[in-house]
Amino acid sequence: MAKSSSQKKTSSNTAFSKKTNGHLKPAKDNPSKLKPTKDADMDVMELDPSDGLIKLFTDCLKDIYWAENHLIKALPKMAKATSIKKLEQAIQHHLAQTRTHAERLEQAFELLGKAPQARKCDAMEGLGKEGEAAIENTDTDTPARNLGIIMASQKVEHYEISSYSGIIKLADTLGYAEISDLLTKTLNEELDSEALLADIAANEILNEGN
């Protein structure tokens, strides 16, 4: 007589319980890893390299390394196109920071025992094109040109803030404390840059401070 589905499930659970002595096993030994039980303690489960976290981490580093080097080429064009001195200075200052950000990423690769590698970041390439469009589609020395540059720059900052936040969390998860500390410096500088751009937009163009 064929077993019912509930009998099969009970038999399967009993076999698994005997195999694990009633204890949860790390993901690499858990046949039900794709459907973790609700009482699984994810904080103490061992990370398995096959889960892809280490590869994801290094891929993220490659993406943001490409992005930072792309920005080093794009920012001078943005600075030249603005007619607000404070905005030009802010972009030039961020250009200097971006060079440092790239160097920090090189240090991160070194800490991993790897040579620095860049993998094309489609998102940053697209954001760079938006910056070019903001210049091409506006007239010189106009509020529209300056505000367009700020808006495009803020999109870049938001992308970098999101990227570095995720990379830092991954570094913490994988135990890469030194890399986490290194990239947290970069994240804080990105946050400061975004706040400065917002302030320039509000007070130099939109006159929200008046």
C-alpha atoms as a PDB file:
ATOM      1  CA  MET A   1       0.000   0.000   0.000  1.00  0.00           C
ATOM      2  CA  ALA A   2       1.427   3.386  -0.984  1.00  0.00           C
ATOM      3  CA  LYS A   3       2.353   5.766   1.812  1.00  0.00           C
ATOM      4  CA  SER A   4       0.401   8.986   2.162  1.00  0.00           C
ATOM      5  CA  SER A   5       2.206  12.315   1.724  1.00  0.00           C
ATOM      6  CA  SER A   6       2.049  12.950   5.495  1.00  0.00           C
ATOM      7  CA  GLN A   7       3.592   9.501   6.191  1.00  0.00           C
ATOM      8  CA  LYS A   8       6.394  10.208   3.706  1.00  0.00           C
ATOM      9  CA  LYS A   9       7.055  13.594   5.340  1.00  0.00           C
ATOM     10  CA  THR A  10       7.178  12.043   8.843  1.00  0.00           C
ATOM     11  CA  SER A  11       9.537   9.308   7.633  1.00  0.00           C
ATOM     12  CA  SER A  12      11.806  11.866   5.989  1.00  0.00           C
ATOM     13  CA  ASN A  13      11.881  14.094   9.069  1.00  0.00           C
ATOM     14  CA  THR A  14      12.667  11.114  11.325  1.00  0.00           C
ATOM     15  CA  ALA A  15      15.574  10.067   9.098  1.00  0.00           C
ATOM     16  CA  PHE A  16      16.945  13.609   9.065  1.00  0.00           C
ATOM     17  CA  SER A  17      16.606  13.858  12.861  1.00  0.00           C
ATOM     18  CA  LYS A  18      18.593  10.649  13.338  1.00  0.00           C
ATOM     19  CA  LYS A  19      21.256  11.849  10.914  1.00  0.00           C
ATOM     20  CA  THR A  20      21.723  15.174  12.707  1.00  0.00           C
ATOM     21  CA  ASN A  21      21.103  13.922  16.260  1.00  0.00           C
ATOM     22  CA  GLY A  22      18.268  16.395  16.513  1.00  0.00           C
ATOM     23  CA  HIS A  23      20.535  19.420  15.947  1.00  0.00           C
ATOM     24  CA  LEU A  24      20.532  21.916  13.100  1.00  0.00           C
ATOM     25  CA  LYS A  25      23.452  21.491  10.756  1.00  0.00           C
ATOM     26  CA  PRO A  26      25.409  24.217   8.921  1.00  0.00           C
ATOM     27  CA  ALA A  27      24.114  25.093   5.465  1.00  0.00           C
ATOM     28  CA  LYS A  28      26.673  22.896   3.720  1.00  0.00           C
ATOM     29  CA  ASP A  29      25.333  19.790   5.517  1.00  0.00           C
ATOM     30  CA  ASN A  30      21.670  20.729   5.614  1.00  0.00           C
ATOM     31  CA  PRO A  31      19.649  19.028   2.836  1.00  0.00           C
ATOM     32  CA  SER A  32      16.863  21.546   3.377  1.00  0.00           C
ATOM     33  CA  LYS A  33      19.064  24.649   3.079  1.00  0.00           C
ATOM     34  CA  LEU A  34      16.759  26.183   0.477  1.00  0.00           C
ATOM     35  CA  LYS A  35      13.853  25.941   2.924  1.00  0.00           C
ATOM     36  CA  PRO A  36      15.361  26.776   6.349  1.00  0.00           C
ATOM     37  CA  THR A  37      13.190  25.921   9.324  1.00  0.00           C
ATOM     38  CA  LYS A  38      11.675  28.857  11.160  1.00  0.00           C
ATOM     39  CA  ASP A  39      13.731  28.092  14.271  1.00  0.00           C
ATOM     40  CA  ALA A  40      17.059  28.023  12.404  1.00  0.00           C
ATOM     41  CA  ASP A  41      19.583  30.300  14.133  1.00  0.00           C
ATOM     42  CA  MET A  42      21.122  32.120  11.166  1.00  0.00           C
ATOM     43  CA  ASP A  43      23.514  34.037  13.438  1.00  0.00           C
ATOM     44  CA  VAL A  44      25.466  30.922  14.397  1.00  0.00           C
ATOM     45  CA  MET A  45      25.252  28.964  11.151  1.00  0.00           C
ATOM     46  CA  GLU A  46      28.599  28.534   9.423  1.00  0.00           C
ATOM     47  CA  LEU A  47      29.106  30.296   6.126  1.00  0.00           C
ATOM     48  CA  ASP A  48      29.854  27.996   3.247  1.00  0.00           C
ATOM     49  CA  PRO A  49      31.999  29.409   0.405  1.00  0.00           C
ATOM     50  CA  SER A  50      29.599  27.656  -1.965  1.00  0.00           C
ATOM     51  CA  ASP A  51      26.947  30.133  -0.824  1.00  0.00           C
ATOM     52  CA  GLY A  52      28.780  32.617  -3.021  1.00  0.00           C
ATOM     53  CA  LEU A  53      29.366  35.392  -0.469  1.00  0.00           C
ATOM     54  CA  ILE A  54      33.107  35.595  -1.045  1.00  0.00           C
ATOM     55  CA  LYS A  55      32.647  35.684  -4.816  1.00  0.00           C
ATOM     56  CA  LEU A  56      29.904  38.281  -4.460  1.00  0.00           C
ATOM     57  CA  PHE A  57      32.181  40.395  -2.279  1.00  0.00           C
ATOM     58  CA  THR A  58      35.086  40.340  -4.742  1.00  0.00           C
ATOM     59  CA  ASP A  59      32.743  40.991  -7.687  1.00  0.00           C
ATOM     60  CA  CYS A  60      31.362  44.049  -5.864  1.00  0.00           C
ATOM     61  CA  LEU A  61      34.890  45.315  -5.296  1.00  0.00           C
ATOM     62  CA  LYS A  62      35.642  44.918  -9.011  1.00  0.00           C
ATOM     63  CA  ASP A  63      32.478  46.824  -9.964  1.00  0.00           C
ATOM     64  CA  ILE A  64      33.042  49.764  -7.644  1.00  0.00           C
ATOM     65  CA  TYR A  65      36.740  49.900  -8.589  1.00  0.00           C
ATOM     66  CA  TRP A  66      35.720  50.332 -12.234  1.00  0.00           C
ATOM     67  CA  ALA A  67      33.126  52.897 -11.184  1.00  0.00           C
ATOM     68  CA  GLU A  68      35.619  54.998  -9.223  1.00  0.00           C
ATOM     69  CA  ASN A  69      38.105  55.023 -12.092  1.00  0.00           C
ATOM     70  CA  HIS A  70      35.317  55.966 -14.498  1.00  0.00           C
ATOM     71  CA  LEU A  71      34.423  58.893 -12.241  1.00  0.00           C
ATOM     72  CA  ILE A  72      38.020  60.108 -12.232  1.00  0.00           C
ATOM     73  CA  LYS A  73      37.613  60.681 -15.973  1.00  0.00           C
ATOM     74  CA  ALA A  74      34.076  62.114 -15.803  1.00  0.00           C
ATOM     75  CA  LEU A  75      34.288  64.580 -12.918  1.00  0.00           C
ATOM     76  CA  PRO A  76      36.636  67.101 -14.594  1.00  0.00           C
ATOM     77  CA  LYS A  77      34.038  67.560 -17.384  1.00  0.00           C
ATOM     78  CA  MET A  78      31.343  68.224 -14.792  1.00  0.00           C
ATOM     79  CA  ALA A  79      33.497  70.746 -12.946  1.00  0.00           C
ATOM     80  CA  LYS A  80      34.343  72.591 -16.161  1.00  0.00           C
ATOM     81  CA  ALA A  81      30.696  72.822 -17.217  1.00  0.00           C
ATOM     82  CA  THR A  82      29.364  74.513 -14.079  1.00  0.00           C
ATOM     83  CA  SER A  83      29.228  78.287 -13.636  1.00  0.00           C
ATOM     84  CA  ILE A  84      28.984  78.228  -9.829  1.00  0.00           C
ATOM     85  CA  LYS A  85      32.380  78.501  -8.163  1.00  0.00           C
ATOM     86  CA  LYS A  86      31.287  76.662  -5.024  1.00  0.00           C
ATOM     87  CA  LEU A  87      29.978  73.767  -7.114  1.00  0.00           C
ATOM     88  CA  GLU A  88      33.142  73.621  -9.181  1.00  0.00           C
ATOM     89  CA  GLN A  89      35.237  73.492  -6.003  1.00  0.00           C
ATOM     90  CA  ALA A  90      33.018  70.769  -4.545  1.00  0.00           C
ATOM     91  CA  ILE A  91      33.414  68.626  -7.665  1.00  0.00           C
ATOM     92  CA  GLN A  92      37.176  69.167  -7.755  1.00  0.00           C
ATOM     93  CA  HIS A  93      37.398  68.234  -4.082  1.00  0.00           C
ATOM     94  CA  HIS A  94      35.405  65.074  -4.728  1.00  0.00           C
ATOM     95  CA  LEU A  95      37.686  64.254  -7.658  1.00  0.00           C
ATOM     96  CA  ALA A  96      40.651  64.249  -5.256  1.00  0.00           C
ATOM     97  CA  GLN A  97      38.645  62.055  -2.864  1.00  0.00           C
ATOM     98  CA  THR A  98      37.708  59.682  -5.682  1.00  0.00           C
ATOM     99  CA  ARG A  99      41.376  59.069  -6.446  1.00  0.00           C
ATOM    100  CA  THR A 100      41.815  58.153  -2.780  1.00  0.00           C
ATOM    101  CA  HIS A 101      38.739  55.905  -2.952  1.00  0.00           C
ATOM    102  CA  ALA A 102      40.310  53.986  -5.830  1.00  0.00           C
ATOM    103  CA  GLU A 103      43.532  53.630  -3.847  1.00  0.00           C
ATOM    104  CA  ARG A 104      41.606  52.276  -0.861  1.00  0.00           C
ATOM    105  CA  LEU A 105      39.999  49.666  -3.088  1.00  0.00           C
ATOM    106  CA  GLU A 106      43.466  48.666  -4.275  1.00  0.00           C
ATOM    107  CA  GLN A 107      44.409  48.226  -0.612  1.00  0.00           C
ATOM    108  CA  ALA A 108      41.293  46.079  -0.127  1.00  0.00           C
ATOM    109  CA  PHE A 109      42.360  43.803  -2.978  1.00  0.00           C
ATOM    110  CA  GLU A 110      45.837  43.607  -1.455  1.00  0.00           C
ATOM    111  CA  LEU A 111      44.363  42.580   1.914  1.00  0.00           C
ATOM    112  CA  LEU A 112      42.519  39.777   0.091  1.00  0.00           C
ATOM    113  CA  GLY A 113      45.789  38.683  -1.512  1.00  0.00           C
ATOM    114  CA  LYS A 114      44.541  39.609  -4.972  1.00  0.00           C
ATOM    115  CA  ALA A 115      45.687  41.999  -7.681  1.00  0.00           C
ATOM    116  CA  PRO A 116      43.297  44.943  -8.253  1.00  0.00           C
ATOM    117  CA  GLN A 117      40.756  44.131 -10.937  1.00  0.00           C
ATOM    118  CA  ALA A 118      38.039  46.227 -12.547  1.00  0.00           C
ATOM    119  CA  ARG A 119      34.823  44.827 -13.986  1.00  0.00           C
ATOM    120  CA  LYS A 120      32.689  47.143 -16.079  1.00  0.00           C
ATOM    121  CA  CYS A 121      29.947  48.692 -13.996  1.00  0.00           C
ATOM    122  CA  ASP A 122      26.961  49.228 -16.295  1.00  0.00           C
ATOM    123  CA  ALA A 123      25.165  51.284 -13.645  1.00  0.00           C
ATOM    124  CA  MET A 124      27.986  53.823 -13.354  1.00  0.00           C
ATOM    125  CA  GLU A 125      28.393  53.978 -17.116  1.00  0.00           C
ATOM    126  CA  GLY A 126      24.693  54.858 -17.388  1.00  0.00           C
ATOM    127  CA  LEU A 127      24.932  57.480 -14.647  1.00  0.00           C
ATOM    128  CA  GLY A 128      27.904  59.004 -16.433  1.00  0.00           C
ATOM    129  CA  LYS A 129      25.825  59.311 -19.591  1.00  0.00           C
ATOM    130  CA  GLU A 130      23.111  61.073 -17.604  1.00  0.00           C
ATOM    131  CA  GLY A 131      25.703  63.599 -16.474  1.00  0.00           C
ATOM    132  CA  GLU A 132      26.763  64.193 -20.067  1.00  0.00           C
ATOM    133  CA  ALA A 133      23.132  64.616 -21.091  1.00  0.00           C
ATOM    134  CA  ALA A 134      22.583  67.177 -18.337  1.00  0.00           C
ATOM    135  CA  ILE A 135      25.322  69.269 -19.911  1.00  0.00           C
ATOM    136  CA  GLU A 136      24.345  68.712 -23.546  1.00  0.00           C
ATOM    137  CA  ASN A 137      20.658  69.474 -23.022  1.00  0.00           C
ATOM    138  CA  THR A 138      21.061  72.730 -21.108  1.00  0.00           C
ATOM    139  CA  ASP A 139      22.462  76.162 -21.950  1.00  0.00           C
ATOM    140  CA  THR A 140      25.776  77.422 -20.620  1.00  0.00           C
ATOM    141  CA  ASP A 141      25.774  79.540 -17.439  1.00  0.00           C
ATOM    142  CA  THR A 142      22.156  78.794 -16.564  1.00  0.00           C
ATOM    143  CA  PRO A 143      20.493  77.536 -13.370  1.00  0.00           C
ATOM    144  CA  ALA A 144      19.218  74.561 -15.386  1.00  0.00           C
ATOM    145  CA  ARG A 145      22.784  73.545 -16.345  1.00  0.00           C
ATOM    146  CA  ASN A 146      24.059  73.852 -12.768  1.00  0.00           C
ATOM    147  CA  LEU A 147      21.087  72.079 -11.230  1.00  0.00           C
ATOM    148  CA  GLY A 148      21.271  69.338 -13.860  1.00  0.00           C
ATOM    149  CA  ILE A 149      24.907  68.725 -12.941  1.00  0.00           C
ATOM    150  CA  ILE A 150      24.028  68.559  -9.244  1.00  0.00           C
ATOM    151  CA  MET A 151      21.145  66.145  -9.825  1.00  0.00           C
ATOM    152  CA  ALA A 152      23.319  63.877 -11.964  1.00  0.00           C
ATOM    153  CA  SER A 153      26.075  64.022  -9.352  1.00  0.00           C
ATOM    154  CA  GLN A 154      23.647  63.169  -6.571  1.00  0.00           C
ATOM    155  CA  LYS A 155      22.496  60.093  -8.469  1.00  0.00           C
ATOM    156  CA  VAL A 156      26.134  59.001  -8.609  1.00  0.00           C
ATOM    157  CA  GLU A 157      26.540  59.625  -4.889  1.00  0.00           C
ATOM    158  CA  HIS A 158      23.396  57.661  -4.047  1.00  0.00           C
ATOM    159  CA  TYR A 159      24.651  54.722  -6.103  1.00  0.00           C
ATOM    160  CA  GLU A 160      28.040  54.796  -4.406  1.00  0.00           C
ATOM    161  CA  ILE A 161      26.503  55.129  -0.940  1.00  0.00           C
ATOM    162  CA  SER A 162      24.312  52.105  -1.607  1.00  0.00           C
ATOM    163  CA  SER A 163      27.218  50.107  -3.047  1.00  0.00           C
ATOM    164  CA  TYR A 164      29.654  50.845  -0.235  1.00  0.00           C
ATOM    165  CA  SER A 165      26.992  50.200   2.425  1.00  0.00           C
ATOM    166  CA  GLY A 166      26.402  46.732   0.992  1.00  0.00           C
ATOM    167  CA  ILE A 167      30.097  45.958   0.550  1.00  0.00           C
ATOM    168  CA  ILE A 168      30.842  46.981   4.137  1.00  0.00           C
ATOM    169  CA  LYS A 169      28.078  44.722   5.468  1.00  0.00           C
ATOM    170  CA  LEU A 170      29.494  41.849   3.426  1.00  0.00           C
ATOM    171  CA  ALA A 171      32.991  42.574   4.751  1.00  0.00           C
ATOM    172  CA  ASP A 172      31.676  42.470   8.316  1.00  0.00           C
ATOM    173  CA  THR A 173      29.839  39.205   7.648  1.00  0.00           C
ATOM    174  CA  LEU A 174      32.949  37.580   6.185  1.00  0.00           C
ATOM    175  CA  GLY A 175      35.211  38.833   8.976  1.00  0.00           C
ATOM    176  CA  TYR A 176      37.170  41.311   6.841  1.00  0.00           C
ATOM    177  CA  ALA A 177      37.344  43.940   9.605  1.00  0.00           C
ATOM    178  CA  GLU A 178      40.289  45.836   8.142  1.00  0.00           C
ATOM    179  CA  ILE A 179      38.588  46.198   4.760  1.00  0.00           C
ATOM    180  CA  SER A 180      35.362  47.248   6.475  1.00  0.00           C
ATOM    181  CA  ASP A 181      37.161  50.030   8.372  1.00  0.00           C
ATOM    182  CA  LEU A 182      38.929  51.139   5.206  1.00  0.00           C
ATOM    183  CA  LEU A 183      35.772  51.410   3.116  1.00  0.00           C
ATOM    184  CA  THR A 184      33.765  53.018   5.926  1.00  0.00           C
ATOM    185  CA  LYS A 185      36.029  56.058   5.505  1.00  0.00           C
ATOM    186  CA  THR A 186      35.010  56.192   1.858  1.00  0.00           C
ATOM    187  CA  LEU A 187      31.322  55.790   2.689  1.00  0.00           C
ATOM    188  CA  ASN A 188      31.445  58.714   5.125  1.00  0.00           C
ATOM    189  CA  GLU A 189      33.085  60.909   2.476  1.00  0.00           C
ATOM    190  CA  GLU A 190      30.388  59.960  -0.044  1.00  0.00           C
ATOM    191  CA  LEU A 191      27.692  60.924   2.480  1.00  0.00           C
ATOM    192  CA  ASP A 192      29.392  64.281   3.100  1.00  0.00           C
ATOM    193  CA  SER A 193      29.646  64.954  -0.640  1.00  0.00           C
ATOM    194  CA  GLU A 194      25.960  64.233  -1.204  1.00  0.00           C
ATOM    195  CA  ALA A 195      25.011  66.576   1.658  1.00  0.00           C
ATOM    196  CA  LEU A 196      27.214  69.322   0.209  1.00  0.00           C
ATOM    197  CA  LEU A 197      25.604  68.983  -3.225  1.00  0.00           C
ATOM    198  CA  ALA A 198      22.148  69.243  -1.653  1.00  0.00           C
ATOM    199  CA  ASP A 199      23.209  72.376   0.234  1.00  0.00           C
ATOM    200  CA  ILE A 200      24.568  74.034  -2.928  1.00  0.00           C
ATOM    201  CA  ALA A 201      21.369  73.253  -4.809  1.00  0.00           C
ATOM    202  CA  ALA A 202      19.201  74.669  -2.048  1.00  0.00           C
ATOM    203  CA  ASN A 203      21.169  77.815  -1.303  1.00  0.00           C
ATOM    204  CA  GLU A 204      22.989  78.691  -4.528  1.00  0.00           C
ATOM    205  CA  ILE A 205      20.336  77.830  -7.106  1.00  0.00           C
ATOM    206  CA  LEU A 206      16.884  77.327  -5.572  1.00  0.00           C
ATOM    207  CA  ASN A 207      17.351  80.006  -2.883  1.00  0.00           C
ATOM    208  CA  GLU A 208      15.585  77.861  -0.297  1.00  0.00           C
ATOM    209  CA  GLY A 209      17.656  79.487   2.419  1.00  0.00           C
ATOM    210  CA  ASN A 210      16.063  82.922   1.756  1.00  0.00           C
END
